[in-house]
Amino acid sequence: MMRDECAVLMNACTPLVYRRNFFRITGLAVDASPRTIRRRVDDFRHAEEHGDADQEHGHAFALIPPPDLEQIREAALRLQDPERRLIEEFFWFWPTEWNNVDGDAALAAISRGEKGKAVEIWIAGLGVGHNVKVVVAKHNLAVMYQMLALDYEHDALDSDLSEKGLTKSSGYWRECFRLWEELTEDETFWSFLAGRIRM
């Protein structure tokens, strides 16, 4: 019974959860409107027609090699299902304020390709307590560490990881599990997510 209730989540949560994530594929923020999404897909189509598709993938965690237009369209179609959209949003970077993504310094750094700056901002946001800033920083770091660990494992399908790579991957897994565990017990985290669901 429980598996049926969570079918959408179970189907999404594969080792490719981040490699197929619409927001990672396109570089859009999690609050992107349907109109913004359509425009972005059109941008990719025009870029592909002019041979400039690679230039559209410049954010800090862009996939290498970049997705093709068909993958982008398939990802955009998934967002038409509200449950699936929520999952895509859950497994990507959140702003500190849902209605102010443009004012979020860490997300702006991601869009400019400055991963280190975003991580610096999130680490600075970690602190004692259960306020939204702390919760969002933990969530975004958990997403990042989990994504990097899965990226390492994906790359290992083609060639074995070095000892250094294995050590890094293990460290990423430890950090993401620690942060997810802390978040699951945090009421502020669930309240913040519930606020997004209501929106």
N, C-alpha and C. Protein backbone atom coordinates (compact mmCIF):
# COMPACT_ATOMS: atom_id res chain seq x y z
N MET A 1 0.83 -1.21 0.00
CA MET A 1 0.00 0.00 0.00
C MET A 1 0.87 1.26 0.00
N MET A 2 1.86 1.30 0.91
CA MET A 2 2.74 2.45 1.01
C MET A 2 3.50 2.68 -0.30
N ARG A 3 3.93 1.59 -0.94
CA ARG A 3 4.67 1.72 -2.21
C ARG A 3 3.80 2.35 -3.28
N ASP A 4 2.51 1.98 -3.33
CA ASP A 4 1.60 2.57 -4.31
C ASP A 4 1.42 4.06 -4.07
N GLU A 5 1.33 4.45 -2.79
CA GLU A 5 1.16 5.86 -2.46
C GLU A 5 2.38 6.68 -2.83
N CYS A 6 3.54 6.06 -2.82
CA CYS A 6 4.80 6.76 -3.12
C CYS A 6 5.35 6.40 -4.49
N ALA A 7 4.51 5.90 -5.39
CA ALA A 7 4.98 5.40 -6.68
C ALA A 7 5.74 6.46 -7.48
N VAL A 8 5.22 7.68 -7.51
CA VAL A 8 5.89 8.75 -8.29
C VAL A 8 7.27 9.02 -7.73
N LEU A 9 7.37 9.07 -6.39
CA LEU A 9 8.66 9.31 -5.75
C LEU A 9 9.62 8.14 -6.00
N MET A 10 9.13 6.92 -5.84
CA MET A 10 9.98 5.74 -6.03
C MET A 10 10.50 5.65 -7.47
N ASN A 11 9.64 5.99 -8.43
CA ASN A 11 10.05 5.94 -9.83
C ASN A 11 11.08 7.01 -10.16
N ALA A 12 11.00 8.15 -9.47
CA ALA A 12 11.94 9.25 -9.74
C ALA A 12 13.29 9.03 -9.07
N CYS A 13 13.28 8.38 -7.92
CA CYS A 13 14.49 8.27 -7.10
C CYS A 13 15.37 7.10 -7.53
N THR A 14 16.00 7.27 -8.66
CA THR A 14 16.95 6.29 -9.18
C THR A 14 18.33 6.92 -9.10
N PRO A 15 19.38 6.17 -9.43
CA PRO A 15 20.72 6.78 -9.45
C PRO A 15 20.84 7.95 -10.44
N LEU A 16 19.86 8.10 -11.33
CA LEU A 16 19.89 9.18 -12.32
C LEU A 16 19.01 10.36 -11.91
N VAL A 17 18.57 10.40 -10.66
CA VAL A 17 17.63 11.43 -10.21
C VAL A 17 18.14 12.85 -10.50
N TYR A 18 19.44 13.06 -10.36
CA TYR A 18 19.99 14.39 -10.62
C TYR A 18 20.36 14.59 -12.09
N ARG A 19 20.72 13.53 -12.77
CA ARG A 19 21.10 13.66 -14.18
C ARG A 19 19.87 13.90 -15.07
N ARG A 20 18.70 13.55 -14.56
CA ARG A 20 17.46 13.79 -15.31
C ARG A 20 16.67 14.96 -14.76
N ASN A 21 17.19 15.62 -13.75
CA ASN A 21 16.46 16.70 -13.10
C ASN A 21 16.31 17.88 -14.05
N PHE A 22 15.07 18.31 -14.25
CA PHE A 22 14.79 19.40 -15.19
C PHE A 22 15.60 20.65 -14.88
N PHE A 23 15.69 21.00 -13.61
CA PHE A 23 16.36 22.25 -13.24
C PHE A 23 17.87 22.17 -13.44
N ARG A 24 18.43 20.98 -13.26
CA ARG A 24 19.85 20.82 -13.58
C ARG A 24 20.07 20.86 -15.09
N ILE A 25 19.20 20.20 -15.84
CA ILE A 25 19.33 20.14 -17.29
C ILE A 25 19.24 21.53 -17.92
N THR A 26 18.36 22.38 -17.40
CA THR A 26 18.10 23.67 -18.04
C THR A 26 18.80 24.85 -17.37
N GLY A 27 19.18 24.69 -16.10
CA GLY A 27 19.75 25.82 -15.37
C GLY A 27 18.73 26.78 -14.82
N LEU A 28 17.43 26.46 -14.95
CA LEU A 28 16.38 27.32 -14.41
C LEU A 28 16.25 27.15 -12.90
N ALA A 29 15.69 28.17 -12.26
CA ALA A 29 15.42 28.10 -10.82
C ALA A 29 14.17 27.27 -10.57
N VAL A 30 14.04 26.76 -9.35
CA VAL A 30 12.93 25.86 -9.02
C VAL A 30 11.57 26.52 -9.08
N ASP A 31 11.51 27.85 -9.07
CA ASP A 31 10.21 28.52 -9.11
C ASP A 31 9.84 28.96 -10.53
N ALA A 32 10.53 28.45 -11.54
CA ALA A 32 10.28 28.86 -12.93
C ALA A 32 8.81 28.64 -13.29
N SER A 33 8.21 29.65 -13.90
CA SER A 33 6.80 29.56 -14.31
C SER A 33 6.69 28.73 -15.59
N PRO A 34 5.49 28.22 -15.90
CA PRO A 34 5.31 27.50 -17.17
C PRO A 34 5.75 28.32 -18.38
N ARG A 35 5.49 29.62 -18.33
CA ARG A 35 5.90 30.48 -19.45
C ARG A 35 7.43 30.54 -19.56
N THR A 36 8.12 30.69 -18.43
CA THR A 36 9.58 30.72 -18.43
C THR A 36 10.14 29.41 -18.94
N ILE A 37 9.52 28.31 -18.54
CA ILE A 37 9.97 26.99 -18.99
C ILE A 37 9.83 26.86 -20.50
N ARG A 38 8.69 27.28 -21.05
CA ARG A 38 8.49 27.22 -22.50
C ARG A 38 9.53 28.06 -23.24
N ARG A 39 9.79 29.26 -22.71
CA ARG A 39 10.79 30.13 -23.35
C ARG A 39 12.17 29.50 -23.32
N ARG A 40 12.49 28.85 -22.21
CA ARG A 40 13.82 28.23 -22.07
C ARG A 40 13.97 27.07 -23.05
N VAL A 41 12.94 26.26 -23.19
CA VAL A 41 12.99 25.16 -24.16
C VAL A 41 13.15 25.72 -25.57
N ASP A 42 12.46 26.83 -25.87
CA ASP A 42 12.62 27.49 -27.18
C ASP A 42 14.04 27.99 -27.38
N ASP A 43 14.64 28.53 -26.30
CA ASP A 43 16.03 28.99 -26.38
C ASP A 43 16.96 27.84 -26.77
N PHE A 44 16.74 26.68 -26.14
CA PHE A 44 17.57 25.51 -26.47
C PHE A 44 17.35 25.08 -27.92
N ARG A 45 16.10 25.13 -28.37
CA ARG A 45 15.81 24.74 -29.76
C ARG A 45 16.53 25.66 -30.74
N HIS A 46 16.43 26.97 -30.50
CA HIS A 46 17.11 27.93 -31.39
C HIS A 46 18.62 27.73 -31.35
N ALA A 47 19.16 27.51 -30.15
CA ALA A 47 20.60 27.32 -30.01
C ALA A 47 21.06 26.08 -30.77
N GLU A 48 20.27 25.01 -30.68
CA GLU A 48 20.64 23.78 -31.38
C GLU A 48 20.60 23.99 -32.89
N GLU A 49 19.61 24.73 -33.36
CA GLU A 49 19.50 25.01 -34.80
C GLU A 49 20.68 25.81 -35.31
N HIS A 50 21.26 26.66 -34.44
CA HIS A 50 22.39 27.50 -34.86
C HIS A 50 23.75 26.94 -34.42
N GLY A 51 23.73 25.73 -33.85
CA GLY A 51 24.99 25.11 -33.44
C GLY A 51 25.62 25.70 -32.20
N ASP A 52 24.81 26.39 -31.38
CA ASP A 52 25.33 27.02 -30.15
C ASP A 52 24.82 26.35 -28.88
N ALA A 53 24.34 25.12 -28.96
CA ALA A 53 23.68 24.48 -27.82
C ALA A 53 24.59 24.41 -26.59
N ASP A 54 25.88 24.13 -26.78
CA ASP A 54 26.78 23.99 -25.63
C ASP A 54 26.86 25.27 -24.80
N GLN A 55 26.71 26.42 -25.43
CA GLN A 55 26.82 27.69 -24.72
C GLN A 55 25.64 27.93 -23.78
N GLU A 56 24.57 27.18 -23.96
CA GLU A 56 23.38 27.32 -23.10
C GLU A 56 23.55 26.61 -21.76
N HIS A 57 24.61 25.84 -21.62
CA HIS A 57 24.80 25.03 -20.41
C HIS A 57 26.02 25.53 -19.63
N GLY A 58 25.85 26.66 -18.95
CA GLY A 58 26.99 27.25 -18.27
C GLY A 58 26.91 27.31 -16.77
N HIS A 59 25.84 26.75 -16.18
CA HIS A 59 25.73 26.85 -14.72
C HIS A 59 26.70 25.88 -14.04
N ALA A 60 26.87 26.05 -12.74
CA ALA A 60 27.93 25.36 -12.01
C ALA A 60 27.83 23.84 -12.04
N PHE A 61 26.64 23.30 -12.16
CA PHE A 61 26.49 21.84 -12.13
C PHE A 61 25.94 21.30 -13.44
N ALA A 62 26.22 22.00 -14.54
CA ALA A 62 25.75 21.57 -15.86
C ALA A 62 26.30 20.19 -16.20
N LEU A 63 25.48 19.42 -16.89
CA LEU A 63 25.88 18.07 -17.27
C LEU A 63 26.91 18.09 -18.39
N ILE A 64 27.84 17.15 -18.33
CA ILE A 64 28.83 16.96 -19.39
C ILE A 64 28.77 15.50 -19.81
N PRO A 65 28.45 15.19 -21.07
CA PRO A 65 28.06 16.14 -22.13
C PRO A 65 26.67 16.69 -21.85
N PRO A 66 26.35 17.86 -22.45
CA PRO A 66 25.03 18.46 -22.21
C PRO A 66 23.92 17.62 -22.81
N PRO A 67 22.71 17.72 -22.25
CA PRO A 67 21.57 16.96 -22.78
C PRO A 67 21.17 17.48 -24.16
N ASP A 68 20.56 16.59 -24.96
CA ASP A 68 20.08 17.04 -26.26
C ASP A 68 18.66 17.62 -26.10
N LEU A 69 18.14 18.16 -27.19
CA LEU A 69 16.85 18.84 -27.14
C LEU A 69 15.73 17.88 -26.74
N GLU A 70 15.79 16.64 -27.18
CA GLU A 70 14.75 15.67 -26.83
C GLU A 70 14.72 15.40 -25.33
N GLN A 71 15.88 15.30 -24.70
CA GLN A 71 15.95 15.10 -23.25
C GLN A 71 15.37 16.31 -22.51
N ILE A 72 15.64 17.49 -23.03
CA ILE A 72 15.13 18.72 -22.42
C ILE A 72 13.61 18.76 -22.52
N ARG A 73 13.09 18.42 -23.69
CA ARG A 73 11.63 18.42 -23.86
C ARG A 73 10.96 17.39 -22.97
N GLU A 74 11.56 16.21 -22.86
CA GLU A 74 10.99 15.16 -21.99
C GLU A 74 10.97 15.63 -20.54
N ALA A 75 12.05 16.28 -20.11
CA ALA A 75 12.11 16.79 -18.74
C ALA A 75 11.05 17.86 -18.51
N ALA A 76 10.85 18.73 -19.48
CA ALA A 76 9.83 19.78 -19.35
C ALA A 76 8.43 19.17 -19.27
N LEU A 77 8.18 18.12 -20.01
CA LEU A 77 6.87 17.45 -19.96
C LEU A 77 6.59 16.88 -18.58
N ARG A 78 7.62 16.37 -17.92
CA ARG A 78 7.43 15.79 -16.58
C ARG A 78 6.89 16.84 -15.61
N LEU A 79 7.27 18.09 -15.81
CA LEU A 79 6.85 19.14 -14.88
C LEU A 79 5.37 19.45 -14.95
N GLN A 80 4.69 18.96 -15.98
CA GLN A 80 3.25 19.20 -16.09
C GLN A 80 2.47 18.41 -15.03
N ASP A 81 3.10 17.39 -14.46
CA ASP A 81 2.51 16.62 -13.37
C ASP A 81 2.94 17.29 -12.06
N PRO A 82 2.00 17.85 -11.27
CA PRO A 82 2.38 18.58 -10.05
C PRO A 82 3.21 17.75 -9.07
N GLU A 83 2.88 16.46 -8.92
CA GLU A 83 3.66 15.62 -8.00
C GLU A 83 5.09 15.48 -8.49
N ARG A 84 5.24 15.25 -9.78
CA ARG A 84 6.59 15.09 -10.34
C ARG A 84 7.37 16.40 -10.24
N ARG A 85 6.67 17.51 -10.46
CA ARG A 85 7.36 18.80 -10.36
C ARG A 85 7.89 19.00 -8.94
N LEU A 86 7.08 18.65 -7.95
CA LEU A 86 7.52 18.79 -6.56
C LEU A 86 8.79 17.98 -6.30
N ILE A 87 8.84 16.77 -6.86
CA ILE A 87 10.03 15.92 -6.68
C ILE A 87 11.24 16.57 -7.34
N GLU A 88 11.04 17.09 -8.56
CA GLU A 88 12.15 17.76 -9.28
C GLU A 88 12.66 18.95 -8.46
N GLU A 89 11.73 19.72 -7.88
CA GLU A 89 12.11 20.86 -7.04
C GLU A 89 12.83 20.40 -5.77
N PHE A 90 12.31 19.32 -5.17
CA PHE A 90 12.89 18.82 -3.93
C PHE A 90 14.36 18.47 -4.10
N PHE A 91 14.68 17.87 -5.25
CA PHE A 91 16.05 17.45 -5.51
C PHE A 91 16.81 18.48 -6.35
N TRP A 92 16.60 19.75 -6.03
CA TRP A 92 17.43 20.80 -6.60
C TRP A 92 17.56 21.92 -5.58
N PHE A 93 18.29 22.96 -5.91
CA PHE A 93 18.63 23.99 -4.94
C PHE A 93 17.48 24.95 -4.70
N TRP A 94 17.21 25.19 -3.40
CA TRP A 94 16.12 26.07 -3.00
C TRP A 94 16.64 27.48 -2.69
N PRO A 95 15.77 28.48 -2.89
CA PRO A 95 16.09 29.83 -2.42
C PRO A 95 15.71 29.95 -0.94
N THR A 96 16.24 30.94 -0.28
CA THR A 96 15.86 31.18 1.11
C THR A 96 14.44 31.71 1.21
N GLU A 97 13.99 32.41 0.16
CA GLU A 97 12.60 32.89 0.09
C GLU A 97 12.02 32.42 -1.24
N TRP A 98 10.86 31.74 -1.18
CA TRP A 98 10.27 31.21 -2.41
C TRP A 98 9.95 32.31 -3.42
N ASN A 99 9.55 33.47 -2.96
CA ASN A 99 9.16 34.53 -3.88
C ASN A 99 10.31 35.46 -4.24
N ASN A 100 11.54 35.07 -3.92
CA ASN A 100 12.68 35.96 -4.17
C ASN A 100 13.89 35.17 -4.65
N VAL A 101 13.69 34.33 -5.64
CA VAL A 101 14.81 33.53 -6.17
C VAL A 101 15.88 34.44 -6.76
N ASP A 102 15.46 35.51 -7.44
CA ASP A 102 16.43 36.41 -8.09
C ASP A 102 17.33 37.10 -7.08
N GLY A 103 16.86 37.23 -5.84
CA GLY A 103 17.66 37.89 -4.81
C GLY A 103 18.53 36.94 -4.00
N ASP A 104 18.58 35.68 -4.39
CA ASP A 104 19.35 34.69 -3.64
C ASP A 104 20.78 34.64 -4.19
N ALA A 105 21.75 35.06 -3.37
CA ALA A 105 23.14 35.19 -3.81
C ALA A 105 23.75 33.85 -4.21
N ALA A 106 23.42 32.78 -3.48
CA ALA A 106 23.99 31.46 -3.79
C ALA A 106 23.48 30.95 -5.13
N LEU A 107 22.19 31.13 -5.39
CA LEU A 107 21.63 30.66 -6.66
C LEU A 107 22.15 31.50 -7.83
N ALA A 108 22.39 32.78 -7.58
CA ALA A 108 22.99 33.63 -8.62
C ALA A 108 24.40 33.13 -8.94
N ALA A 109 25.13 32.74 -7.90
CA ALA A 109 26.49 32.22 -8.12
C ALA A 109 26.45 30.93 -8.94
N ILE A 110 25.48 30.05 -8.64
CA ILE A 110 25.33 28.80 -9.41
C ILE A 110 25.11 29.13 -10.89
N SER A 111 24.23 30.08 -11.16
CA SER A 111 23.91 30.39 -12.56
C SER A 111 25.12 30.98 -13.29
N ARG A 112 26.04 31.62 -12.55
CA ARG A 112 27.26 32.17 -13.16
C ARG A 112 28.36 31.12 -13.27
N GLY A 113 28.11 29.93 -12.75
CA GLY A 113 29.13 28.88 -12.79
C GLY A 113 30.08 28.89 -11.61
N GLU A 114 29.73 29.65 -10.55
CA GLU A 114 30.62 29.80 -9.39
C GLU A 114 30.20 28.87 -8.26
N LYS A 115 30.50 27.59 -8.42
CA LYS A 115 30.11 26.60 -7.42
C LYS A 115 30.70 26.91 -6.05
N GLY A 116 31.99 27.25 -6.00
CA GLY A 116 32.65 27.51 -4.73
C GLY A 116 32.00 28.63 -3.94
N LYS A 117 31.56 29.68 -4.65
CA LYS A 117 30.91 30.81 -3.99
C LYS A 117 29.58 30.38 -3.37
N ALA A 118 28.81 29.58 -4.11
CA ALA A 118 27.53 29.10 -3.58
C ALA A 118 27.75 28.25 -2.33
N VAL A 119 28.72 27.35 -2.38
CA VAL A 119 29.01 26.48 -1.23
C VAL A 119 29.43 27.33 -0.03
N GLU A 120 30.24 28.34 -0.29
CA GLU A 120 30.69 29.25 0.77
C GLU A 120 29.49 29.92 1.45
N ILE A 121 28.53 30.36 0.66
CA ILE A 121 27.32 31.02 1.21
C ILE A 121 26.51 30.03 2.03
N TRP A 122 26.33 28.80 1.52
CA TRP A 122 25.55 27.81 2.26
C TRP A 122 26.23 27.41 3.56
N ILE A 123 27.54 27.23 3.52
CA ILE A 123 28.26 26.85 4.74
C ILE A 123 28.16 27.96 5.78
N ALA A 124 28.24 29.22 5.31
CA ALA A 124 28.09 30.36 6.22
C ALA A 124 26.68 30.39 6.81
N GLY A 125 25.70 29.84 6.07
CA GLY A 125 24.32 29.82 6.54
C GLY A 125 24.03 28.75 7.56
N LEU A 126 24.95 27.80 7.70
CA LEU A 126 24.76 26.77 8.71
C LEU A 126 25.00 27.37 10.08
N GLY A 127 24.18 27.04 10.98
CA GLY A 127 24.34 27.57 12.32
C GLY A 127 23.47 26.79 13.28
N VAL A 128 23.37 27.30 14.45
CA VAL A 128 22.55 26.65 15.45
C VAL A 128 21.12 27.14 15.28
N GLY A 129 20.18 26.25 15.42
CA GLY A 129 18.79 26.64 15.33
C GLY A 129 18.08 26.00 14.17
N HIS A 130 16.84 26.39 13.99
CA HIS A 130 16.00 25.76 12.97
C HIS A 130 15.33 26.84 12.11
N ASN A 131 16.04 27.95 11.87
CA ASN A 131 15.42 28.98 11.04
C ASN A 131 15.55 28.59 9.57
N VAL A 132 14.85 29.32 8.71
CA VAL A 132 14.78 28.98 7.29
C VAL A 132 16.15 29.02 6.64
N LYS A 133 16.97 29.99 6.98
CA LYS A 133 18.30 30.11 6.38
C LYS A 133 19.13 28.85 6.64
N VAL A 134 19.08 28.34 7.87
CA VAL A 134 19.82 27.12 8.23
C VAL A 134 19.27 25.93 7.46
N VAL A 135 17.95 25.82 7.43
CA VAL A 135 17.29 24.69 6.77
C VAL A 135 17.61 24.66 5.27
N VAL A 136 17.53 25.81 4.62
CA VAL A 136 17.82 25.87 3.18
C VAL A 136 19.28 25.56 2.91
N ALA A 137 20.17 26.08 3.75
CA ALA A 137 21.60 25.78 3.58
C ALA A 137 21.86 24.28 3.70
N LYS A 138 21.25 23.64 4.71
CA LYS A 138 21.41 22.19 4.88
C LYS A 138 20.84 21.43 3.69
N HIS A 139 19.65 21.82 3.26
CA HIS A 139 19.01 21.15 2.12
C HIS A 139 19.89 21.25 0.88
N ASN A 140 20.37 22.44 0.58
CA ASN A 140 21.15 22.63 -0.65
C ASN A 140 22.48 21.91 -0.60
N LEU A 141 23.09 21.87 0.57
CA LEU A 141 24.34 21.10 0.71
C LEU A 141 24.07 19.60 0.60
N ALA A 142 22.96 19.13 1.18
CA ALA A 142 22.61 17.71 1.06
C ALA A 142 22.39 17.33 -0.40
N VAL A 143 21.67 18.18 -1.14
CA VAL A 143 21.44 17.95 -2.56
C VAL A 143 22.77 17.90 -3.30
N MET A 144 23.63 18.87 -3.03
CA MET A 144 24.91 18.93 -3.74
C MET A 144 25.78 17.70 -3.46
N TYR A 145 25.90 17.35 -2.18
CA TYR A 145 26.75 16.20 -1.84
C TYR A 145 26.21 14.90 -2.44
N GLN A 146 24.90 14.74 -2.39
CA GLN A 146 24.30 13.53 -2.97
C GLN A 146 24.50 13.50 -4.48
N MET A 147 24.30 14.63 -5.13
CA MET A 147 24.49 14.73 -6.58
C MET A 147 25.93 14.41 -6.96
N LEU A 148 26.89 14.97 -6.24
CA LEU A 148 28.29 14.72 -6.56
C LEU A 148 28.66 13.26 -6.34
N ALA A 149 28.13 12.66 -5.28
CA ALA A 149 28.40 11.23 -5.03
C ALA A 149 27.85 10.38 -6.18
N LEU A 150 26.62 10.67 -6.60
CA LEU A 150 26.02 9.92 -7.71
C LEU A 150 26.75 10.18 -9.02
N ASP A 151 27.23 11.40 -9.22
CA ASP A 151 28.02 11.70 -10.42
C ASP A 151 29.30 10.87 -10.45
N TYR A 152 29.96 10.76 -9.31
CA TYR A 152 31.17 9.93 -9.24
C TYR A 152 30.84 8.49 -9.61
N GLU A 153 29.73 7.98 -9.06
CA GLU A 153 29.37 6.59 -9.34
C GLU A 153 28.98 6.40 -10.81
N HIS A 154 28.32 7.41 -11.39
CA HIS A 154 27.97 7.35 -12.81
C HIS A 154 29.24 7.29 -13.67
N ASP A 155 30.21 8.14 -13.33
CA ASP A 155 31.48 8.15 -14.07
C ASP A 155 32.23 6.83 -13.93
N ALA A 156 32.05 6.17 -12.78
CA ALA A 156 32.75 4.90 -12.53
C ALA A 156 32.21 3.77 -13.40
N LEU A 157 31.05 3.97 -14.05
CA LEU A 157 30.53 2.95 -14.96
C LEU A 157 31.43 2.80 -16.18
N ASP A 158 32.10 3.90 -16.56
CA ASP A 158 32.99 3.88 -17.72
C ASP A 158 34.43 3.58 -17.36
N SER A 159 34.84 4.00 -16.19
CA SER A 159 36.22 3.72 -15.75
C SER A 159 36.23 3.68 -14.23
N ASP A 160 37.05 2.79 -13.68
CA ASP A 160 37.10 2.63 -12.23
C ASP A 160 37.55 3.93 -11.56
N LEU A 161 36.96 4.20 -10.40
CA LEU A 161 37.36 5.37 -9.64
C LEU A 161 38.74 5.15 -9.04
N SER A 162 39.53 6.22 -9.01
CA SER A 162 40.82 6.15 -8.33
C SER A 162 40.57 6.09 -6.83
N GLU A 163 41.63 5.83 -6.09
CA GLU A 163 41.50 5.80 -4.63
C GLU A 163 41.04 7.17 -4.11
N LYS A 164 41.57 8.22 -4.74
CA LYS A 164 41.17 9.58 -4.35
C LYS A 164 39.69 9.80 -4.66
N GLY A 165 39.24 9.32 -5.80
CA GLY A 165 37.83 9.46 -6.18
C GLY A 165 36.91 8.71 -5.23
N LEU A 166 37.33 7.50 -4.84
CA LEU A 166 36.54 6.71 -3.89
C LEU A 166 36.43 7.42 -2.54
N THR A 167 37.54 8.00 -2.11
CA THR A 167 37.54 8.72 -0.83
C THR A 167 36.60 9.92 -0.89
N LYS A 168 36.66 10.66 -2.01
CA LYS A 168 35.77 11.82 -2.17
C LYS A 168 34.32 11.38 -2.19
N SER A 169 34.02 10.35 -2.97
CA SER A 169 32.65 9.86 -3.08
C SER A 169 32.12 9.43 -1.72
N SER A 170 32.92 8.70 -0.95
CA SER A 170 32.50 8.26 0.38
C SER A 170 32.22 9.45 1.29
N GLY A 171 33.07 10.46 1.19
CA GLY A 171 32.87 11.67 2.00
C GLY A 171 31.57 12.39 1.64
N TYR A 172 31.28 12.46 0.34
CA TYR A 172 30.04 13.08 -0.10
C TYR A 172 28.82 12.32 0.44
N TRP A 173 28.89 10.98 0.37
CA TRP A 173 27.77 10.18 0.89
C TRP A 173 27.57 10.42 2.38
N ARG A 174 28.67 10.44 3.14
CA ARG A 174 28.57 10.65 4.59
C ARG A 174 27.90 11.99 4.89
N GLU A 175 28.35 13.04 4.19
CA GLU A 175 27.80 14.37 4.43
C GLU A 175 26.33 14.45 4.05
N CYS A 176 25.96 13.88 2.90
CA CYS A 176 24.55 14.00 2.49
C CYS A 176 23.65 13.22 3.44
N PHE A 177 24.06 12.03 3.88
CA PHE A 177 23.23 11.27 4.81
C PHE A 177 23.07 12.00 6.14
N ARG A 178 24.16 12.61 6.60
CA ARG A 178 24.10 13.35 7.87
C ARG A 178 23.10 14.51 7.76
N LEU A 179 23.20 15.26 6.67
CA LEU A 179 22.33 16.43 6.50
C LEU A 179 20.88 16.03 6.28
N TRP A 180 20.63 15.01 5.44
CA TRP A 180 19.24 14.55 5.23
C TRP A 180 18.63 14.08 6.55
N GLU A 181 19.42 13.38 7.34
CA GLU A 181 18.90 12.89 8.62
C GLU A 181 18.51 14.05 9.54
N GLU A 182 19.36 15.07 9.59
CA GLU A 182 19.03 16.24 10.41
C GLU A 182 17.76 16.92 9.91
N LEU A 183 17.62 17.02 8.60
CA LEU A 183 16.46 17.70 8.02
C LEU A 183 15.15 16.95 8.27
N THR A 184 15.21 15.63 8.22
CA THR A 184 13.96 14.87 8.39
C THR A 184 13.35 15.08 9.78
N GLU A 185 14.16 15.50 10.73
CA GLU A 185 13.68 15.72 12.09
C GLU A 185 13.41 17.19 12.39
N ASP A 186 13.46 18.03 11.37
CA ASP A 186 13.36 19.47 11.58
C ASP A 186 11.99 19.97 11.09
N GLU A 187 11.17 20.46 11.99
CA GLU A 187 9.84 20.95 11.63
C GLU A 187 9.89 22.15 10.69
N THR A 188 10.91 22.99 10.83
CA THR A 188 11.03 24.16 9.94
C THR A 188 11.20 23.72 8.49
N PHE A 189 11.95 22.64 8.31
CA PHE A 189 12.15 22.09 6.98
C PHE A 189 10.82 21.68 6.35
N TRP A 190 10.03 20.92 7.10
CA TRP A 190 8.75 20.44 6.58
C TRP A 190 7.76 21.59 6.38
N SER A 191 7.82 22.61 7.25
CA SER A 191 6.94 23.78 7.10
C SER A 191 7.30 24.56 5.84
N PHE A 192 8.61 24.68 5.58
CA PHE A 192 9.07 25.40 4.38
C PHE A 192 8.61 24.67 3.12
N LEU A 193 8.73 23.34 3.14
CA LEU A 193 8.27 22.54 2.00
C LEU A 193 6.75 22.63 1.85
N ALA A 194 6.03 22.58 2.95
CA ALA A 194 4.56 22.68 2.90
C ALA A 194 4.14 24.03 2.30
N GLY A 195 4.89 25.08 2.62
CA GLY A 195 4.60 26.39 2.06
C GLY A 195 4.72 26.39 0.55
N ARG A 196 5.72 25.68 0.04
CA ARG A 196 5.89 25.59 -1.41
C ARG A 196 4.75 24.78 -2.04
N ILE A 197 4.34 23.72 -1.38
CA ILE A 197 3.23 22.91 -1.90
C ILE A 197 1.96 23.75 -1.99
N ARG A 198 1.70 24.55 -0.97
CA ARG A 198 0.52 25.41 -0.99
C ARG A 198 0.58 26.41 -2.13
N MET A 199 1.78 26.94 -2.39
CA MET A 199 1.95 27.90 -3.50
C MET A 199 1.63 27.24 -4.83
